[in-house]
N, C-alpha and C. Protein backbone atom coordinates (compact mmCIF):
# COMPACT_ATOMS: atom_id res chain seq x y z
N MET A 1 242.55 155.74 104.19
CA MET A 1 243.99 155.73 104.28
C MET A 1 244.62 156.01 102.92
N ALA A 2 244.10 155.41 101.86
CA ALA A 2 244.66 155.63 100.53
C ALA A 2 244.55 157.10 100.13
N SER A 3 243.43 157.71 100.44
CA SER A 3 243.27 159.13 100.07
C SER A 3 244.24 160.00 100.87
N GLU A 4 244.52 159.66 102.12
CA GLU A 4 245.47 160.43 102.91
C GLU A 4 246.89 160.28 102.36
N ARG A 5 247.23 159.08 101.92
CA ARG A 5 248.55 158.89 101.33
C ARG A 5 248.68 159.67 100.03
N ARG A 6 247.63 159.65 99.21
CA ARG A 6 247.67 160.43 97.96
C ARG A 6 247.76 161.93 98.25
N GLU A 7 247.02 162.38 99.24
CA GLU A 7 247.05 163.80 99.62
C GLU A 7 248.44 164.18 100.11
N LEU A 8 249.04 163.34 100.92
CA LEU A 8 250.40 163.60 101.40
C LEU A 8 251.37 163.65 100.24
N ALA A 9 251.30 162.70 99.32
CA ALA A 9 252.20 162.68 98.17
C ALA A 9 252.03 163.93 97.33
N ALA A 10 250.80 164.35 97.10
CA ALA A 10 250.55 165.56 96.31
C ALA A 10 251.12 166.79 97.00
N MET A 11 250.94 166.89 98.31
CA MET A 11 251.48 168.04 99.04
C MET A 11 253.01 168.04 98.95
N LEU A 12 253.63 166.89 99.19
CA LEU A 12 255.09 166.82 99.13
C LEU A 12 255.60 167.15 97.74
N GLU A 13 254.92 166.66 96.73
CA GLU A 13 255.34 166.90 95.36
C GLU A 13 255.31 168.39 94.99
N SER A 14 254.44 169.14 95.63
CA SER A 14 254.28 170.55 95.31
C SER A 14 255.27 171.46 96.04
N LEU A 15 256.09 170.90 96.93
CA LEU A 15 256.99 171.73 97.73
C LEU A 15 258.17 172.27 96.94
N THR A 16 258.62 173.43 97.34
CA THR A 16 259.83 174.02 96.78
C THR A 16 261.04 173.40 97.49
N PRO A 17 262.23 173.55 96.91
CA PRO A 17 263.42 173.04 97.60
C PRO A 17 263.57 173.61 99.02
N ALA A 18 263.27 174.88 99.20
CA ALA A 18 263.38 175.48 100.54
C ALA A 18 262.39 174.83 101.51
N GLN A 19 261.20 174.50 101.04
CA GLN A 19 260.20 173.87 101.90
C GLN A 19 260.61 172.45 102.28
N TRP A 20 261.33 171.75 101.42
CA TRP A 20 261.82 170.42 101.77
C TRP A 20 262.82 170.50 102.92
N ASP A 21 263.47 171.63 103.06
CA ASP A 21 264.45 171.80 104.14
C ASP A 21 263.89 172.52 105.36
N ALA A 22 262.58 172.79 105.36
CA ALA A 22 261.94 173.46 106.49
C ALA A 22 261.85 172.51 107.69
N PRO A 23 261.98 173.05 108.91
CA PRO A 23 261.84 172.20 110.11
C PRO A 23 260.39 171.76 110.28
N THR A 24 260.22 170.68 111.01
CA THR A 24 258.89 170.15 111.31
C THR A 24 258.71 170.08 112.81
N LEU A 25 257.59 169.54 113.24
CA LEU A 25 257.35 169.38 114.67
C LEU A 25 258.17 168.24 115.27
N CYS A 26 258.83 167.44 114.44
CA CYS A 26 259.74 166.41 114.93
C CYS A 26 261.10 167.07 115.13
N ALA A 27 261.52 167.15 116.36
CA ALA A 27 262.78 167.82 116.70
C ALA A 27 263.94 167.28 115.85
N GLY A 28 264.60 168.18 115.16
CA GLY A 28 265.77 167.81 114.37
C GLY A 28 265.46 167.27 112.99
N TRP A 29 264.21 167.11 112.65
CA TRP A 29 263.84 166.59 111.34
C TRP A 29 263.25 167.70 110.49
N ARG A 30 263.74 167.76 109.26
CA ARG A 30 263.14 168.63 108.26
C ARG A 30 262.05 167.84 107.53
N VAL A 31 261.40 168.48 106.60
CA VAL A 31 260.36 167.81 105.81
C VAL A 31 260.95 166.58 105.14
N ARG A 32 262.17 166.69 104.64
CA ARG A 32 262.75 165.54 103.91
C ARG A 32 262.97 164.33 104.82
N GLU A 33 263.31 164.51 106.09
CA GLU A 33 263.43 163.36 107.00
C GLU A 33 262.06 162.74 107.28
N VAL A 34 261.05 163.59 107.45
CA VAL A 34 259.70 163.07 107.69
C VAL A 34 259.23 162.26 106.48
N ALA A 35 259.44 162.78 105.27
CA ALA A 35 259.03 162.06 104.06
C ALA A 35 259.78 160.73 103.94
N ALA A 36 261.07 160.76 104.22
CA ALA A 36 261.85 159.52 104.17
C ALA A 36 261.31 158.51 105.18
N HIS A 37 261.02 158.99 106.39
CA HIS A 37 260.49 158.12 107.43
C HIS A 37 259.13 157.53 107.04
N MET A 38 258.25 158.38 106.52
CA MET A 38 256.90 157.91 106.21
C MET A 38 256.85 157.00 104.98
N SER A 39 257.91 157.00 104.18
CA SER A 39 257.95 156.11 103.02
C SER A 39 258.79 154.86 103.29
N PHE A 40 259.41 154.79 104.44
CA PHE A 40 260.31 153.68 104.80
C PHE A 40 259.67 152.31 104.59
N GLY A 41 258.47 152.12 105.07
CA GLY A 41 257.81 150.82 104.98
C GLY A 41 257.52 150.37 103.56
N PHE A 42 257.50 151.30 102.63
CA PHE A 42 257.26 150.96 101.23
C PHE A 42 258.56 150.74 100.46
N ARG A 43 259.66 151.22 101.01
CA ARG A 43 260.94 151.13 100.32
C ARG A 43 261.81 149.96 100.79
N PHE A 44 261.50 149.41 101.96
CA PHE A 44 262.31 148.34 102.52
C PHE A 44 261.46 147.09 102.75
N PRO A 45 261.92 145.94 102.30
CA PRO A 45 261.20 144.69 102.60
C PRO A 45 261.36 144.34 104.09
N LEU A 46 260.50 143.50 104.60
CA LEU A 46 260.51 143.13 106.02
C LEU A 46 261.88 142.65 106.50
N PRO A 47 262.58 141.77 105.77
CA PRO A 47 263.90 141.35 106.27
C PRO A 47 264.87 142.52 106.46
N ARG A 48 264.81 143.51 105.58
CA ARG A 48 265.69 144.68 105.72
C ARG A 48 265.27 145.50 106.94
N MET A 49 263.97 145.62 107.18
CA MET A 49 263.49 146.34 108.37
C MET A 49 264.02 145.67 109.64
N VAL A 50 263.95 144.36 109.66
CA VAL A 50 264.44 143.60 110.83
C VAL A 50 265.93 143.84 111.00
N LEU A 51 266.69 143.80 109.91
CA LEU A 51 268.13 144.06 109.98
C LEU A 51 268.40 145.46 110.53
N GLU A 52 267.64 146.45 110.06
CA GLU A 52 267.81 147.81 110.56
C GLU A 52 267.50 147.89 112.05
N LEU A 53 266.49 147.17 112.49
CA LEU A 53 266.14 147.16 113.90
C LEU A 53 267.24 146.49 114.74
N VAL A 54 267.83 145.43 114.23
CA VAL A 54 268.94 144.77 114.91
C VAL A 54 270.13 145.73 115.02
N LYS A 55 270.43 146.44 113.93
CA LYS A 55 271.53 147.42 113.95
C LYS A 55 271.30 148.49 115.01
N ALA A 56 270.04 148.78 115.28
CA ALA A 56 269.69 149.80 116.29
C ALA A 56 269.52 149.18 117.67
N ARG A 57 269.97 147.94 117.84
CA ARG A 57 269.88 147.21 119.11
C ARG A 57 268.45 147.13 119.64
N GLY A 58 267.50 146.98 118.71
CA GLY A 58 266.10 146.80 119.09
C GLY A 58 265.35 148.07 119.42
N ASP A 59 266.02 149.21 119.30
CA ASP A 59 265.39 150.50 119.63
C ASP A 59 264.76 151.08 118.36
N ILE A 60 263.43 150.98 118.26
CA ILE A 60 262.74 151.42 117.05
C ILE A 60 262.90 152.92 116.81
N ASN A 61 262.98 153.71 117.88
CA ASN A 61 263.17 155.15 117.71
C ASN A 61 264.56 155.46 117.17
N ARG A 62 265.57 154.76 117.65
CA ARG A 62 266.93 154.93 117.13
C ARG A 62 266.97 154.54 115.66
N MET A 63 266.33 153.42 115.33
CA MET A 63 266.30 152.96 113.95
C MET A 63 265.62 154.00 113.06
N ALA A 64 264.47 154.49 113.50
CA ALA A 64 263.72 155.45 112.69
C ALA A 64 264.51 156.72 112.46
N ASP A 65 265.17 157.21 113.50
CA ASP A 65 265.94 158.44 113.37
C ASP A 65 267.14 158.23 112.44
N ARG A 66 267.87 157.17 112.64
CA ARG A 66 269.05 156.90 111.81
C ARG A 66 268.66 156.73 110.35
N ARG A 67 267.62 155.91 110.09
CA ARG A 67 267.20 155.67 108.70
C ARG A 67 266.66 156.95 108.07
N ALA A 68 265.87 157.72 108.80
CA ALA A 68 265.31 158.95 108.23
C ALA A 68 266.43 159.91 107.82
N ARG A 69 267.44 160.04 108.66
CA ARG A 69 268.54 160.95 108.35
C ARG A 69 269.38 160.44 107.17
N GLN A 70 269.68 159.14 107.18
CA GLN A 70 270.46 158.56 106.08
C GLN A 70 269.68 158.62 104.77
N ASP A 71 268.42 158.26 104.81
CA ASP A 71 267.62 158.25 103.59
C ASP A 71 267.38 159.66 103.07
N ALA A 72 267.15 160.62 103.95
CA ALA A 72 266.94 162.01 103.53
C ALA A 72 268.18 162.54 102.80
N ALA A 73 269.36 162.12 103.24
CA ALA A 73 270.59 162.57 102.60
C ALA A 73 270.82 161.87 101.26
N ALA A 74 270.34 160.64 101.13
CA ALA A 74 270.63 159.84 99.94
C ALA A 74 269.55 159.91 98.85
N LEU A 75 268.30 160.13 99.24
CA LEU A 75 267.20 160.08 98.28
C LEU A 75 266.92 161.43 97.64
N SER A 76 266.48 161.39 96.39
CA SER A 76 265.94 162.61 95.79
C SER A 76 264.59 162.87 96.43
N THR A 77 264.04 164.06 96.29
CA THR A 77 262.72 164.32 96.86
C THR A 77 261.65 163.51 96.15
N ALA A 78 261.88 163.14 94.91
CA ALA A 78 260.88 162.37 94.16
C ALA A 78 260.73 160.94 94.68
N GLU A 79 261.78 160.38 95.26
CA GLU A 79 261.73 158.97 95.68
C GLU A 79 260.75 158.70 96.82
N PRO A 80 260.78 159.45 97.93
CA PRO A 80 259.76 159.16 98.96
C PRO A 80 258.35 159.51 98.48
N VAL A 81 258.22 160.55 97.65
CA VAL A 81 256.90 160.91 97.11
C VAL A 81 256.36 159.75 96.29
N SER A 82 257.18 159.21 95.41
CA SER A 82 256.75 158.07 94.58
C SER A 82 256.40 156.86 95.43
N ALA A 83 257.21 156.58 96.45
CA ALA A 83 256.94 155.42 97.30
C ALA A 83 255.59 155.57 98.00
N ILE A 84 255.28 156.76 98.46
CA ILE A 84 254.00 156.99 99.15
C ILE A 84 252.84 156.92 98.15
N ARG A 85 252.97 157.62 97.02
CA ARG A 85 251.90 157.64 96.03
C ARG A 85 251.67 156.25 95.41
N ASP A 86 252.74 155.60 95.02
CA ASP A 86 252.63 154.30 94.35
C ASP A 86 252.08 153.21 95.26
N ASN A 87 252.13 153.44 96.55
CA ASN A 87 251.64 152.45 97.52
C ASN A 87 250.43 152.94 98.31
N ALA A 88 249.74 153.92 97.77
CA ALA A 88 248.58 154.49 98.48
C ALA A 88 247.56 153.42 98.85
N ASP A 89 247.36 152.45 98.00
CA ASP A 89 246.37 151.41 98.26
C ASP A 89 246.94 150.18 98.96
N HIS A 90 248.21 150.22 99.26
CA HIS A 90 248.86 149.06 99.89
C HIS A 90 248.30 148.84 101.29
N PRO A 91 248.09 147.60 101.69
CA PRO A 91 247.53 147.34 103.02
C PRO A 91 248.52 147.47 104.18
N TRP A 92 249.82 147.64 103.89
CA TRP A 92 250.82 147.72 104.96
C TRP A 92 250.52 148.86 105.91
N ARG A 93 250.71 148.57 107.19
CA ARG A 93 250.58 149.56 108.25
C ARG A 93 251.79 149.41 109.16
N PRO A 94 252.34 150.54 109.63
CA PRO A 94 253.50 150.43 110.52
C PRO A 94 253.10 149.79 111.84
N PRO A 95 254.05 149.21 112.54
CA PRO A 95 253.73 148.53 113.79
C PRO A 95 253.37 149.44 114.95
N VAL A 96 253.56 150.76 114.82
CA VAL A 96 253.35 151.65 115.96
C VAL A 96 252.53 152.89 115.64
N GLY A 97 251.34 152.79 115.16
CA GLY A 97 250.46 153.96 114.99
C GLY A 97 250.91 154.97 113.96
N GLY A 98 250.11 156.00 113.81
CA GLY A 98 250.42 157.06 112.87
C GLY A 98 249.42 157.13 111.75
N ILE A 99 249.64 158.03 110.82
CA ILE A 99 248.68 158.25 109.73
C ILE A 99 248.43 156.97 108.95
N THR A 100 249.48 156.20 108.68
CA THR A 100 249.28 155.00 107.90
C THR A 100 248.68 153.89 108.73
N ALA A 101 248.54 154.10 110.02
CA ALA A 101 247.93 153.10 110.88
C ALA A 101 246.53 153.51 111.33
N GLY A 102 246.18 154.74 111.17
CA GLY A 102 244.88 155.18 111.63
C GLY A 102 244.54 156.56 111.13
N ARG A 103 243.40 157.07 111.54
CA ARG A 103 242.92 158.35 111.06
C ARG A 103 243.74 159.53 111.56
N SER A 104 244.25 159.46 112.76
CA SER A 104 245.10 160.55 113.25
C SER A 104 246.32 159.90 113.87
N GLY A 105 246.76 160.32 115.02
CA GLY A 105 247.89 159.67 115.66
C GLY A 105 249.17 160.44 115.49
N GLN A 106 250.27 159.81 115.88
CA GLN A 106 251.53 160.53 115.99
C GLN A 106 252.02 161.12 114.68
N HIS A 107 251.78 160.49 113.54
CA HIS A 107 252.31 161.04 112.31
C HIS A 107 251.58 162.30 111.85
N ARG A 108 250.39 162.53 112.35
CA ARG A 108 249.74 163.80 112.07
C ARG A 108 250.51 164.94 112.73
N THR A 109 251.22 164.65 113.81
CA THR A 109 251.95 165.70 114.52
C THR A 109 253.24 166.07 113.83
N VAL A 110 253.67 165.30 112.84
CA VAL A 110 254.95 165.61 112.21
C VAL A 110 254.78 166.35 110.90
N ARG A 111 253.58 166.76 110.62
CA ARG A 111 253.42 167.49 109.36
C ARG A 111 254.18 168.82 109.45
N PRO A 112 254.66 169.30 108.32
CA PRO A 112 255.47 170.50 108.32
C PRO A 112 254.76 171.71 108.91
N GLY A 113 255.47 172.49 109.66
CA GLY A 113 254.94 173.72 110.22
C GLY A 113 255.82 174.88 109.85
N PRO A 114 255.40 176.10 110.15
CA PRO A 114 256.23 177.26 109.84
C PRO A 114 257.58 177.16 110.54
N ALA A 115 258.59 177.67 109.91
CA ALA A 115 259.94 177.61 110.46
C ALA A 115 259.97 178.17 111.87
N GLY A 116 260.41 177.35 112.81
CA GLY A 116 260.57 177.78 114.18
C GLY A 116 259.28 177.88 114.97
N ARG A 117 258.15 177.54 114.39
CA ARG A 117 256.86 177.63 115.10
C ARG A 117 256.07 176.35 114.87
N PRO A 118 255.22 175.98 115.80
CA PRO A 118 254.42 174.78 115.60
C PRO A 118 253.40 174.98 114.49
N ALA A 119 252.98 173.88 113.90
CA ALA A 119 251.96 173.92 112.85
C ALA A 119 250.60 174.14 113.49
N ALA A 120 249.61 174.30 112.66
CA ALA A 120 248.23 174.48 113.14
C ALA A 120 247.80 173.26 113.95
N PRO A 121 246.76 173.38 114.76
CA PRO A 121 246.29 172.23 115.54
C PRO A 121 246.04 171.03 114.64
N HIS A 122 246.22 169.87 115.20
CA HIS A 122 246.08 168.64 114.42
C HIS A 122 245.14 167.68 115.13
N GLY A 123 244.82 166.62 114.45
CA GLY A 123 243.96 165.59 115.01
C GLY A 123 243.04 165.07 113.94
N ALA A 124 242.01 164.38 114.35
CA ALA A 124 241.07 163.81 113.39
C ALA A 124 240.55 164.90 112.48
N GLY A 125 240.58 164.64 111.19
CA GLY A 125 240.10 165.60 110.22
C GLY A 125 241.15 166.62 109.81
N ALA A 126 242.33 166.57 110.41
CA ALA A 126 243.39 167.51 110.03
C ALA A 126 243.85 167.19 108.62
N ARG A 127 244.37 168.15 107.95
CA ARG A 127 244.89 167.96 106.60
C ARG A 127 246.37 168.29 106.59
N TRP A 128 247.06 167.78 105.59
CA TRP A 128 248.47 168.10 105.43
C TRP A 128 248.59 169.54 105.02
N HIS A 129 249.57 170.22 105.56
CA HIS A 129 249.80 171.62 105.25
C HIS A 129 251.20 171.80 104.69
N ARG A 130 251.30 172.65 103.69
CA ARG A 130 252.61 172.97 103.12
C ARG A 130 253.41 173.71 104.18
N PRO A 131 254.71 173.45 104.28
CA PRO A 131 255.51 174.19 105.25
C PRO A 131 255.67 175.64 104.81
N ALA A 132 255.57 176.54 105.74
CA ALA A 132 255.82 177.96 105.46
C ALA A 132 257.28 178.22 105.69
N VAL A 133 257.92 178.79 104.73
CA VAL A 133 259.36 179.09 104.85
C VAL A 133 259.51 180.60 104.82
N GLU A 134 260.10 181.13 105.90
CA GLU A 134 260.30 182.56 105.98
C GLU A 134 261.44 182.98 105.06
N PRO A 135 261.32 184.16 104.42
CA PRO A 135 262.43 184.66 103.60
C PRO A 135 263.67 184.81 104.47
N PRO A 136 264.86 184.61 103.91
CA PRO A 136 266.10 184.71 104.69
C PRO A 136 266.23 186.02 105.46
N SER A 137 265.71 187.12 104.93
CA SER A 137 265.87 188.41 105.60
C SER A 137 265.09 188.52 106.91
N THR A 138 264.11 187.62 107.15
CA THR A 138 263.32 187.69 108.38
C THR A 138 263.80 186.71 109.44
N ARG A 139 264.84 185.96 109.14
CA ARG A 139 265.33 184.98 110.11
C ARG A 139 266.29 185.59 111.07
């Protein structure tokens, strides 16, 4: 798990500004929302997470979407990268599966893919891929 977090942080750190704004396999989320979401557990203490969940009326998906969008707008790209890298060895795991909870799972499906197209197949043994951003003239 620690090596996957470090690999993710390194990939995110290497992205261009255009790649941070590339769409992902999560509908409506760019790379920056995914990074904000995946670093959430390292940036918020448990009481704040509970408060966010209460604000979302107990709907974890609503909470995740709202926080990812708000955090993506407010954070620099360095902040989620640092949170992921600095906590690579942290034992925290999210309550609902994903890369930080296991070897594959739902968060493997949110890795950046080419603009408007799905990313390469994913699953056990998959690696993080840099988002491909098409030049403006081909859109």
